[in-house]
Amino acid sequence: MAPTLTEKDFSQHLNSKFQLKLTDGVIELQLVEVTGYAALPTDQSGMERFSIFFDGPGLLPQGLYHLEHEHIGQLDLFLVPVSDDQRSYRYEAVFNSFK
């Protein structure tokens, strides 16, 4: 079983590139933001909640994608397109896990 990645793990690789494998090739996504969320009074104790944001070319539909990173390794993330500008699209992956 792969170790659970934390907000700190991703923060150490801010602005680095991830390779996203598609059936017809590979595109690069850049990790541009890591945002932690404060615990709410109603949250279960011991949870870590955070989001990571990638910028990349082309619009990908929301879904599960296989990514690779030179230091983190391989991981599958559910990405959701959240915004775009004239240069790129922004995607979010949300994490909720026990510390």
PDB file of N, CA and C in Angstrom:
ATOM      1  N   MET A   1       0.851  -1.187   0.000  1.00  0.00           N
ATOM      2  CA  MET A   1       0.000   0.000   0.000  1.00  0.00           C
ATOM      3  C   MET A   1       0.889   1.240   0.000  1.00  0.00           C
ATOM      4  N   ALA A   2       0.601   2.184  -0.872  1.00  0.00           N
ATOM      5  CA  ALA A   2       1.389   3.414  -0.985  1.00  0.00           C
ATOM      6  C   ALA A   2       1.146   4.294   0.238  1.00  0.00           C
ATOM      7  N   PRO A   3       2.173   5.025   0.674  1.00  0.00           N
ATOM      8  CA  PRO A   3       1.977   5.926   1.818  1.00  0.00           C
ATOM      9  C   PRO A   3       1.036   7.061   1.446  1.00  0.00           C
ATOM     10  N   THR A   4       0.351   7.592   2.441  1.00  0.00           N
ATOM     11  CA  THR A   4      -0.545   8.716   2.233  1.00  0.00           C
ATOM     12  C   THR A   4       0.282   9.985   2.077  1.00  0.00           C
ATOM     13  N   LEU A   5       0.054  10.709   0.999  1.00  0.00           N
ATOM     14  CA  LEU A   5       0.764  11.964   0.780  1.00  0.00           C
ATOM     15  C   LEU A   5       0.091  13.075   1.568  1.00  0.00           C
ATOM     16  N   THR A   6       0.898  13.968   2.123  1.00  0.00           N
ATOM     17  CA  THR A   6       0.396  15.037   2.971  1.00  0.00           C
ATOM     18  C   THR A   6       0.530  16.395   2.286  1.00  0.00           C
ATOM     19  N   GLU A   7      -0.057  17.394   2.915  1.00  0.00           N
ATOM     20  CA  GLU A   7       0.080  18.769   2.424  1.00  0.00           C
ATOM     21  C   GLU A   7       1.564  19.142   2.346  1.00  0.00           C
ATOM     22  N   LYS A   8       2.333  18.760   3.349  1.00  0.00           N
ATOM     23  CA  LYS A   8       3.772  19.055   3.372  1.00  0.00           C
ATOM     24  C   LYS A   8       4.491  18.385   2.202  1.00  0.00           C
ATOM     25  N   ASP A   9       4.137  17.134   1.904  1.00  0.00           N
ATOM     26  CA  ASP A   9       4.763  16.420   0.788  1.00  0.00           C
ATOM     27  C   ASP A   9       4.597  17.193  -0.515  1.00  0.00           C
ATOM     28  N   PHE A  10       3.389  17.641  -0.792  1.00  0.00           N
ATOM     29  CA  PHE A  10       3.134  18.375  -2.030  1.00  0.00           C
ATOM     30  C   PHE A  10       3.768  19.765  -1.995  1.00  0.00           C
ATOM     31  N   SER A  11       3.740  20.437  -0.839  1.00  0.00           N
ATOM     32  CA  SER A  11       4.318  21.776  -0.724  1.00  0.00           C
ATOM     33  C   SER A  11       5.803  21.783  -1.066  1.00  0.00           C
ATOM     34  N   GLN A  12       6.487  20.695  -0.775  1.00  0.00           N
ATOM     35  CA  GLN A  12       7.922  20.599  -1.080  1.00  0.00           C
ATOM     36  C   GLN A  12       8.180  20.545  -2.586  1.00  0.00           C
ATOM     37  N   HIS A  13       7.148  20.290  -3.374  1.00  0.00           N
ATOM     38  CA  HIS A  13       7.310  20.163  -4.822  1.00  0.00           C
ATOM     39  C   HIS A  13       6.501  21.212  -5.584  1.00  0.00           C
ATOM     40  N   LEU A  14       6.202  22.313  -4.915  1.00  0.00           N
ATOM     41  CA  LEU A  14       5.491  23.410  -5.550  1.00  0.00           C
ATOM     42  C   LEU A  14       6.263  23.888  -6.775  1.00  0.00           C
ATOM     43  N   ASN A  15       5.556  24.165  -7.834  1.00  0.00           N
ATOM     44  CA  ASN A  15       6.106  24.624  -9.123  1.00  0.00           C
ATOM     45  C   ASN A  15       6.860  23.548  -9.897  1.00  0.00           C
ATOM     46  N   SER A  16       6.740  22.302  -9.494  1.00  0.00           N
ATOM     47  CA  SER A  16       7.371  21.225 -10.262  1.00  0.00           C
ATOM     48  C   SER A  16       6.351  20.622 -11.229  1.00  0.00           C
ATOM     49  N   LYS A  17       6.856  19.824 -12.166  1.00  0.00           N
ATOM     50  CA  LYS A  17       6.034  19.254 -13.242  1.00  0.00           C
ATOM     51  C   LYS A  17       5.622  17.820 -12.917  1.00  0.00           C
ATOM     52  N   PHE A  18       4.383  17.504 -13.276  1.00  0.00           N
ATOM     53  CA  PHE A  18       3.835  16.155 -13.189  1.00  0.00           C
ATOM     54  C   PHE A  18       3.482  15.723 -14.601  1.00  0.00           C
ATOM     55  N   GLN A  19       3.768  14.482 -14.928  1.00  0.00           N
ATOM     56  CA  GLN A  19       3.425  13.926 -16.235  1.00  0.00           C
ATOM     57  C   GLN A  19       2.072  13.233 -16.115  1.00  0.00           C
ATOM     58  N   LEU A  20       1.112  13.642 -16.930  1.00  0.00           N
ATOM     59  CA  LEU A  20      -0.217  13.043 -16.929  1.00  0.00           C
ATOM     60  C   LEU A  20      -0.319  12.138 -18.150  1.00  0.00           C
ATOM     61  N   LYS A  21      -0.545  10.857 -17.906  1.00  0.00           N
ATOM     62  CA  LYS A  21      -0.609   9.862 -18.974  1.00  0.00           C
ATOM     63  C   LYS A  21      -2.016   9.798 -19.551  1.00  0.00           C
ATOM     64  N   LEU A  22      -2.091   9.999 -20.873  1.00  0.00           N
ATOM     65  CA  LEU A  22      -3.345   9.857 -21.606  1.00  0.00           C
ATOM     66  C   LEU A  22      -3.181   8.728 -22.614  1.00  0.00           C
ATOM     67  N   THR A  23      -4.275   8.227 -23.145  1.00  0.00           N
ATOM     68  CA  THR A  23      -4.186   7.138 -24.117  1.00  0.00           C
ATOM     69  C   THR A  23      -3.441   7.548 -25.375  1.00  0.00           C
ATOM     70  N   ASP A  24      -3.482   8.840 -25.713  1.00  0.00           N
ATOM     71  CA  ASP A  24      -2.821   9.293 -26.935  1.00  0.00           C
ATOM     72  C   ASP A  24      -1.582  10.146 -26.673  1.00  0.00           C
ATOM     73  N   GLY A  25      -1.007  10.045 -25.471  1.00  0.00           N
ATOM     74  CA  GLY A  25       0.217  10.784 -25.186  1.00  0.00           C
ATOM     75  C   GLY A  25       0.330  11.218 -23.744  1.00  0.00           C
ATOM     76  N   VAL A  26       1.201  12.176 -23.524  1.00  0.00           N
ATOM     77  CA  VAL A  26       1.490  12.682 -22.180  1.00  0.00           C
ATOM     78  C   VAL A  26       1.403  14.206 -22.219  1.00  0.00           C
ATOM     79  N   ILE A  27       0.810  14.798 -21.173  1.00  0.00           N
ATOM     80  CA  ILE A  27       0.861  16.245 -21.030  1.00  0.00           C
ATOM     81  C   ILE A  27       1.466  16.568 -19.670  1.00  0.00           C
ATOM     82  N   GLU A  28       2.032  17.754 -19.555  1.00  0.00           N
ATOM     83  CA  GLU A  28       2.616  18.191 -18.293  1.00  0.00           C
ATOM     84  C   GLU A  28       1.648  19.099 -17.555  1.00  0.00           C
ATOM     85  N   LEU A  29       1.530  18.838 -16.264  1.00  0.00           N
ATOM     86  CA  LEU A  29       0.799  19.724 -15.366  1.00  0.00           C
ATOM     87  C   LEU A  29       1.797  20.273 -14.360  1.00  0.00           C
ATOM     88  N   GLN A  30       1.681  21.556 -14.040  1.00  0.00           N
ATOM     89  CA  GLN A  30       2.568  22.167 -13.053  1.00  0.00           C
ATOM     90  C   GLN A  30       1.804  22.384 -11.760  1.00  0.00           C
ATOM     91  N   LEU A  31       2.376  21.919 -10.651  1.00  0.00           N
ATOM     92  CA  LEU A  31       1.777  22.135  -9.334  1.00  0.00           C
ATOM     93  C   LEU A  31       1.997  23.599  -8.945  1.00  0.00           C
ATOM     94  N   VAL A  32       0.915  24.368  -8.866  1.00  0.00           N
ATOM     95  CA  VAL A  32       1.041  25.814  -8.668  1.00  0.00           C
ATOM     96  C   VAL A  32       0.545  26.304  -7.305  1.00  0.00           C
ATOM     97  N   GLU A  33      -0.175  25.452  -6.586  1.00  0.00           N
ATOM     98  CA  GLU A  33      -0.707  25.905  -5.296  1.00  0.00           C
ATOM     99  C   GLU A  33      -1.047  24.701  -4.436  1.00  0.00           C
ATOM    100  N   VAL A  34      -0.778  24.840  -3.132  1.00  0.00           N
ATOM    101  CA  VAL A  34      -1.182  23.858  -2.129  1.00  0.00           C
ATOM    102  C   VAL A  34      -1.873  24.651  -1.022  1.00  0.00           C
ATOM    103  N   THR A  35      -3.132  24.327  -0.756  1.00  0.00           N
ATOM    104  CA  THR A  35      -3.921  25.085   0.205  1.00  0.00           C
ATOM    105  C   THR A  35      -4.453  24.167   1.288  1.00  0.00           C
ATOM    106  N   GLY A  36      -4.065  24.440   2.535  1.00  0.00           N
ATOM    107  CA  GLY A  36      -4.586  23.688   3.670  1.00  0.00           C
ATOM    108  C   GLY A  36      -5.848  24.321   4.204  1.00  0.00           C
ATOM    109  N   TYR A  37      -6.683  23.505   4.820  1.00  0.00           N
ATOM    110  CA  TYR A  37      -7.934  23.987   5.388  1.00  0.00           C
ATOM    111  C   TYR A  37      -7.926  23.755   6.891  1.00  0.00           C
ATOM    112  N   ALA A  38      -8.300  24.786   7.631  1.00  0.00           N
ATOM    113  CA  ALA A  38      -8.380  24.673   9.087  1.00  0.00           C
ATOM    114  C   ALA A  38      -9.497  23.710   9.468  1.00  0.00           C
ATOM    115  N   ALA A  39      -9.267  23.005  10.557  1.00  0.00           N
ATOM    116  CA  ALA A  39     -10.282  22.070  11.054  1.00  0.00           C
ATOM    117  C   ALA A  39     -11.506  22.841  11.535  1.00  0.00           C
ATOM    118  N   LEU A  40     -12.666  22.315  11.197  1.00  0.00           N
ATOM    119  CA  LEU A  40     -13.923  22.895  11.658  1.00  0.00           C
ATOM    120  C   LEU A  40     -14.350  22.168  12.928  1.00  0.00           C
ATOM    121  N   PRO A  41     -15.151  22.812  13.760  1.00  0.00           N
ATOM    122  CA  PRO A  41     -15.605  22.151  14.991  1.00  0.00           C
ATOM    123  C   PRO A  41     -16.345  20.839  14.727  1.00  0.00           C
ATOM    124  N   THR A  42     -16.967  20.711  13.574  1.00  0.00           N
ATOM    125  CA  THR A  42     -17.726  19.503  13.254  1.00  0.00           C
ATOM    126  C   THR A  42     -16.866  18.411  12.607  1.00  0.00           C
ATOM    127  N   ASP A  43     -15.591  18.711  12.297  1.00  0.00           N
ATOM    128  CA  ASP A  43     -14.712  17.726  11.663  1.00  0.00           C
ATOM    129  C   ASP A  43     -14.312  16.625  12.629  1.00  0.00           C
ATOM    130  N   GLN A  44     -14.116  15.451  12.079  1.00  0.00           N
ATOM    131  CA  GLN A  44     -13.617  14.339  12.881  1.00  0.00           C
ATOM    132  C   GLN A  44     -12.180  14.639  13.279  1.00  0.00           C
ATOM    133  N   SER A  45     -11.811  14.298  14.483  1.00  0.00           N
ATOM    134  CA  SER A  45     -10.471  14.562  15.004  1.00  0.00           C
ATOM    135  C   SER A  45      -9.412  13.803  14.211  1.00  0.00           C
ATOM    136  N   GLY A  46      -8.260  14.460  13.992  1.00  0.00           N
ATOM    137  CA  GLY A  46      -7.135  13.802  13.336  1.00  0.00           C
ATOM    138  C   GLY A  46      -7.159  13.832  11.824  1.00  0.00           C
ATOM    139  N   MET A  47      -8.037  14.626  11.230  1.00  0.00           N
ATOM    140  CA  MET A  47      -8.126  14.699   9.765  1.00  0.00           C
ATOM    141  C   MET A  47      -7.222  15.804   9.231  1.00  0.00           C
ATOM    142  N   GLU A  48      -6.620  15.539   8.082  1.00  0.00           N
ATOM    143  CA  GLU A  48      -5.898  16.569   7.340  1.00  0.00           C
ATOM    144  C   GLU A  48      -6.680  16.833   6.067  1.00  0.00           C
ATOM    145  N   ARG A  49      -6.989  18.116   5.818  1.00  0.00           N
ATOM    146  CA  ARG A  49      -7.762  18.505   4.638  1.00  0.00           C
ATOM    147  C   ARG A  49      -6.970  19.547   3.866  1.00  0.00           C
ATOM    148  N   PHE A  50      -6.775  19.301   2.567  1.00  0.00           N
ATOM    149  CA  PHE A  50      -6.080  20.268   1.732  1.00  0.00           C
ATOM    150  C   PHE A  50      -6.413  20.027   0.270  1.00  0.00           C
ATOM    151  N   SER A  51      -6.115  21.035  -0.543  1.00  0.00           N
ATOM    152  CA  SER A  51      -6.286  20.939  -1.996  1.00  0.00           C
ATOM    153  C   SER A  51      -4.954  21.256  -2.657  1.00  0.00           C
ATOM    154  N   ILE A  52      -4.742  20.636  -3.807  1.00  0.00           N
ATOM    155  CA  ILE A  52      -3.607  20.995  -4.641  1.00  0.00           C
ATOM    156  C   ILE A  52      -4.155  21.451  -5.991  1.00  0.00           C
ATOM    157  N   PHE A  53      -3.452  22.386  -6.611  1.00  0.00           N
ATOM    158  CA  PHE A  53      -3.901  22.961  -7.872  1.00  0.00           C
ATOM    159  C   PHE A  53      -2.796  22.846  -8.914  1.00  0.00           C
ATOM    160  N   PHE A  54      -3.189  22.440 -10.108  1.00  0.00           N
ATOM    161  CA  PHE A  54      -2.275  22.299 -11.231  1.00  0.00           C
ATOM    162  C   PHE A  54      -2.711  23.235 -12.347  1.00  0.00           C
ATOM    163  N   ASP A  55      -1.738  23.740 -13.101  1.00  0.00           N
ATOM    164  CA  ASP A  55      -2.003  24.416 -14.362  1.00  0.00           C
ATOM    165  C   ASP A  55      -1.534  23.518 -15.486  1.00  0.00           C
ATOM    166  N   GLY A  56      -2.317  23.471 -16.565  1.00  0.00           N
ATOM    167  CA  GLY A  56      -1.937  22.643 -17.703  1.00  0.00           C
ATOM    168  C   GLY A  56      -2.641  23.059 -18.967  1.00  0.00           C
ATOM    169  N   PRO A  57      -2.138  22.569 -20.096  1.00  0.00           N
ATOM    170  CA  PRO A  57      -2.738  22.904 -21.390  1.00  0.00           C
ATOM    171  C   PRO A  57      -3.983  22.062 -21.656  1.00  0.00           C
ATOM    172  N   GLY A  58      -4.893  22.604 -22.431  1.00  0.00           N
ATOM    173  CA  GLY A  58      -6.062  21.823 -22.854  1.00  0.00           C
ATOM    174  C   GLY A  58      -7.018  21.523 -21.734  1.00  0.00           C
ATOM    175  N   LEU A  59      -8.271  21.403 -22.074  1.00  0.00           N
ATOM    176  CA  LEU A  59      -9.299  21.108 -21.071  1.00  0.00           C
ATOM    177  C   LEU A  59      -9.466  19.609 -20.918  1.00  0.00           C
ATOM    178  N   LEU A  60      -9.262  19.126 -19.703  1.00  0.00           N
ATOM    179  CA  LEU A  60      -9.512  17.726 -19.367  1.00  0.00           C
ATOM    180  C   LEU A  60     -10.836  17.647 -18.616  1.00  0.00           C
ATOM    181  N   PRO A  61     -11.681  16.677 -18.925  1.00  0.00           N
ATOM    182  CA  PRO A  61     -12.908  16.529 -18.140  1.00  0.00           C
ATOM    183  C   PRO A  61     -12.572  16.042 -16.728  1.00  0.00           C
ATOM    184  N   GLN A  62     -13.431  16.346 -15.776  1.00  0.00           N
ATOM    185  CA  GLN A  62     -13.174  15.863 -14.423  1.00  0.00           C
ATOM    186  C   GLN A  62     -13.122  14.345 -14.449  1.00  0.00           C
ATOM    187  N   GLY A  63     -12.192  13.792 -13.675  1.00  0.00           N
ATOM    188  CA  GLY A  63     -12.053  12.347 -13.632  1.00  0.00           C
ATOM    189  C   GLY A  63     -10.751  11.926 -12.982  1.00  0.00           C
ATOM    190  N   LEU A  64     -10.558  10.630 -12.936  1.00  0.00           N
ATOM    191  CA  LEU A  64      -9.370  10.036 -12.329  1.00  0.00           C
ATOM    192  C   LEU A  64      -8.261   9.952 -13.371  1.00  0.00           C
ATOM    193  N   TYR A  65      -7.078  10.460 -13.017  1.00  0.00           N
ATOM    194  CA  TYR A  65      -5.947  10.485 -13.934  1.00  0.00           C
ATOM    195  C   TYR A  65      -4.707   9.905 -13.268  1.00  0.00           C
ATOM    196  N   HIS A  66      -3.879   9.272 -14.085  1.00  0.00           N
ATOM    197  CA  HIS A  66      -2.610   8.708 -13.618  1.00  0.00           C
ATOM    198  C   HIS A  66      -1.505   9.730 -13.869  1.00  0.00           C
ATOM    199  N   LEU A  67      -0.808  10.115 -12.802  1.00  0.00           N
ATOM    200  CA  LEU A  67       0.275  11.084 -12.907  1.00  0.00           C
ATOM    201  C   LEU A  67       1.569  10.472 -12.395  1.00  0.00           C
ATOM    202  N   GLU A  68       2.681  11.030 -12.873  1.00  0.00           N
ATOM    203  CA  GLU A  68       3.998  10.630 -12.388  1.00  0.00           C
ATOM    204  C   GLU A  68       4.805  11.879 -12.084  1.00  0.00           C
ATOM    205  N   HIS A  69       5.609  11.770 -11.031  1.00  0.00           N
ATOM    206  CA  HIS A  69       6.493  12.867 -10.617  1.00  0.00           C
ATOM    207  C   HIS A  69       7.845  12.261 -10.287  1.00  0.00           C
ATOM    208  N   GLU A  70       8.916  12.955 -10.650  1.00  0.00           N
ATOM    209  CA  GLU A  70      10.250  12.390 -10.484  1.00  0.00           C
ATOM    210  C   GLU A  70      10.615  12.069  -9.039  1.00  0.00           C
ATOM    211  N   HIS A  71      10.033  12.759  -8.055  1.00  0.00           N
ATOM    212  CA  HIS A  71      10.350  12.494  -6.652  1.00  0.00           C
ATOM    213  C   HIS A  71       9.213  11.806  -5.900  1.00  0.00           C
ATOM    214  N   ILE A  72       7.983  12.159  -6.204  1.00  0.00           N
ATOM    215  CA  ILE A  72       6.827  11.582  -5.515  1.00  0.00           C
ATOM    216  C   ILE A  72       6.519  10.192  -6.053  1.00  0.00           C
ATOM    217  N   GLY A  73       6.743   9.985  -7.334  1.00  0.00           N
ATOM    218  CA  GLY A  73       6.434   8.697  -7.954  1.00  0.00           C
ATOM    219  C   GLY A  73       5.103   8.743  -8.677  1.00  0.00           C
ATOM    220  N   GLN A  74       4.450   7.585  -8.756  1.00  0.00           N
ATOM    221  CA  GLN A  74       3.180   7.465  -9.471  1.00  0.00           C
ATOM    222  C   GLN A  74       2.010   7.632  -8.508  1.00  0.00           C
ATOM    223  N   LEU A  75       0.967   8.301  -8.991  1.00  0.00           N
ATOM    224  CA  LEU A  75      -0.230   8.452  -8.186  1.00  0.00           C
ATOM    225  C   LEU A  75      -1.426   8.666  -9.096  1.00  0.00           C
ATOM    226  N   ASP A  76      -2.573   8.283  -8.607  1.00  0.00           N
ATOM    227  CA  ASP A  76      -3.831   8.499  -9.303  1.00  0.00           C
ATOM    228  C   ASP A  76      -4.599   9.570  -8.544  1.00  0.00           C
ATOM    229  N   LEU A  77      -5.009  10.616  -9.258  1.00  0.00           N
ATOM    230  CA  LEU A  77      -5.731  11.721  -8.637  1.00  0.00           C
ATOM    231  C   LEU A  77      -7.022  11.998  -9.386  1.00  0.00           C
ATOM    232  N   PHE A  78      -8.059  12.337  -8.636  1.00  0.00           N
ATOM    233  CA  PHE A  78      -9.311  12.794  -9.232  1.00  0.00           C
ATOM    234  C   PHE A  78      -9.177  14.296  -9.420  1.00  0.00           C
ATOM    235  N   LEU A  79      -9.090  14.745 -10.677  1.00  0.00           N
ATOM    236  CA  LEU A  79      -8.900  16.153 -11.000  1.00  0.00           C
ATOM    237  C   LEU A  79     -10.198  16.770 -11.495  1.00  0.00           C
ATOM    238  N   VAL A  80     -10.434  18.007 -11.059  1.00  0.00           N
ATOM    239  CA  VAL A  80     -11.611  18.762 -11.462  1.00  0.00           C
ATOM    240  C   VAL A  80     -11.143  20.084 -12.058  1.00  0.00           C
ATOM    241  N   PRO A  81     -11.570  20.396 -13.297  1.00  0.00           N
ATOM    242  CA  PRO A  81     -11.219  21.709 -13.847  1.00  0.00           C
ATOM    243  C   PRO A  81     -11.974  22.797 -13.079  1.00  0.00           C
ATOM    244  N   VAL A  82     -11.244  23.815 -12.614  1.00  0.00           N
ATOM    245  CA  VAL A  82     -11.892  24.846 -11.796  1.00  0.00           C
ATOM    246  C   VAL A  82     -11.826  26.235 -12.413  1.00  0.00           C
ATOM    247  N   SER A  83     -10.927  26.466 -13.372  1.00  0.00           N
ATOM    248  CA  SER A  83     -10.863  27.772 -14.030  1.00  0.00           C
ATOM    249  C   SER A  83      -9.967  27.682 -15.261  1.00  0.00           C
ATOM    250  N   ASP A  84     -10.004  28.741 -16.059  1.00  0.00           N
ATOM    251  CA  ASP A  84      -9.115  28.810 -17.211  1.00  0.00           C
ATOM    252  C   ASP A  84      -8.831  30.264 -17.535  1.00  0.00           C
ATOM    253  N   ASP A  85      -7.729  30.471 -18.228  1.00  0.00           N
ATOM    254  CA  ASP A  85      -7.431  31.781 -18.792  1.00  0.00           C
ATOM    255  C   ASP A  85      -6.988  31.530 -20.231  1.00  0.00           C
ATOM    256  N   GLN A  86      -6.424  32.482 -20.865  1.00  0.00           N
ATOM    257  CA  GLN A  86      -6.072  32.299 -22.269  1.00  0.00           C
ATOM    258  C   GLN A  86      -4.835  31.424 -22.458  1.00  0.00           C
ATOM    259  N   ARG A  87      -4.111  31.129 -21.397  1.00  0.00           N
ATOM    260  CA  ARG A  87      -2.875  30.339 -21.508  1.00  0.00           C
ATOM    261  C   ARG A  87      -3.026  28.895 -21.022  1.00  0.00           C
ATOM    262  N   SER A  88      -3.874  28.670 -20.017  1.00  0.00           N
ATOM    263  CA  SER A  88      -3.922  27.335 -19.418  1.00  0.00           C
ATOM    264  C   SER A  88      -5.236  27.104 -18.677  1.00  0.00           C
ATOM    265  N   TYR A  89      -5.383  25.877 -18.209  1.00  0.00           N
ATOM    266  CA  TYR A  89      -6.516  25.484 -17.377  1.00  0.00           C
ATOM    267  C   TYR A  89      -5.992  25.142 -15.993  1.00  0.00           C
ATOM    268  N   ARG A  90      -6.816  25.360 -14.980  1.00  0.00           N
ATOM    269  CA  ARG A  90      -6.444  25.033 -13.601  1.00  0.00           C
ATOM    270  C   ARG A  90      -7.308  23.861 -13.139  1.00  0.00           C
ATOM    271  N   TYR A  91      -6.645  22.913 -12.476  1.00  0.00           N
ATOM    272  CA  TYR A  91      -7.299  21.701 -11.981  1.00  0.00           C
ATOM    273  C   TYR A  91      -7.061  21.578 -10.483  1.00  0.00           C
ATOM    274  N   GLU A  92      -8.050  21.043  -9.775  1.00  0.00           N
ATOM    275  CA  GLU A  92      -7.956  20.865  -8.329  1.00  0.00           C
ATOM    276  C   GLU A  92      -8.125  19.397  -7.974  1.00  0.00           C
ATOM    277  N   ALA A  93      -7.320  18.958  -7.001  1.00  0.00           N
ATOM    278  CA  ALA A  93      -7.491  17.649  -6.364  1.00  0.00           C
ATOM    279  C   ALA A  93      -7.642  17.910  -4.863  1.00  0.00           C
ATOM    280  N   VAL A  94      -8.646  17.326  -4.243  1.00  0.00           N
ATOM    281  CA  VAL A  94      -8.956  17.547  -2.835  1.00  0.00           C
ATOM    282  C   VAL A  94      -8.564  16.305  -2.032  1.00  0.00           C
ATOM    283  N   PHE A  95      -7.948  16.535  -0.877  1.00  0.00           N
ATOM    284  CA  PHE A  95      -7.508  15.449   0.000  1.00  0.00           C
ATOM    285  C   PHE A  95      -8.170  15.585   1.364  1.00  0.00           C
ATOM    286  N   ASN A  96      -8.676  14.486   1.868  1.00  0.00           N
ATOM    287  CA  ASN A  96      -9.220  14.362   3.216  1.00  0.00           C
ATOM    288  C   ASN A  96      -8.711  13.043   3.755  1.00  0.00           C
ATOM    289  N   SER A  97      -7.782  13.092   4.712  1.00  0.00           N
ATOM    290  CA  SER A  97      -7.228  11.838   5.220  1.00  0.00           C
ATOM    291  C   SER A  97      -6.868  11.972   6.692  1.00  0.00           C
ATOM    292  N   PHE A  98      -6.718  10.828   7.333  1.00  0.00           N
ATOM    293  CA  PHE A  98      -6.292  10.826   8.737  1.00  0.00           C
ATOM    294  C   PHE A  98      -4.789  11.025   8.797  1.00  0.00           C
ATOM    295  N   LYS A  99      -4.363  11.816   9.760  1.00  0.00           N
ATOM    296  CA  LYS A  99      -2.929  12.073   9.950  1.00  0.00           C
ATOM    297  C   LYS A  99      -2.258  10.831  10.506  1.00  0.00           C
TER     298      LYS A  99
END
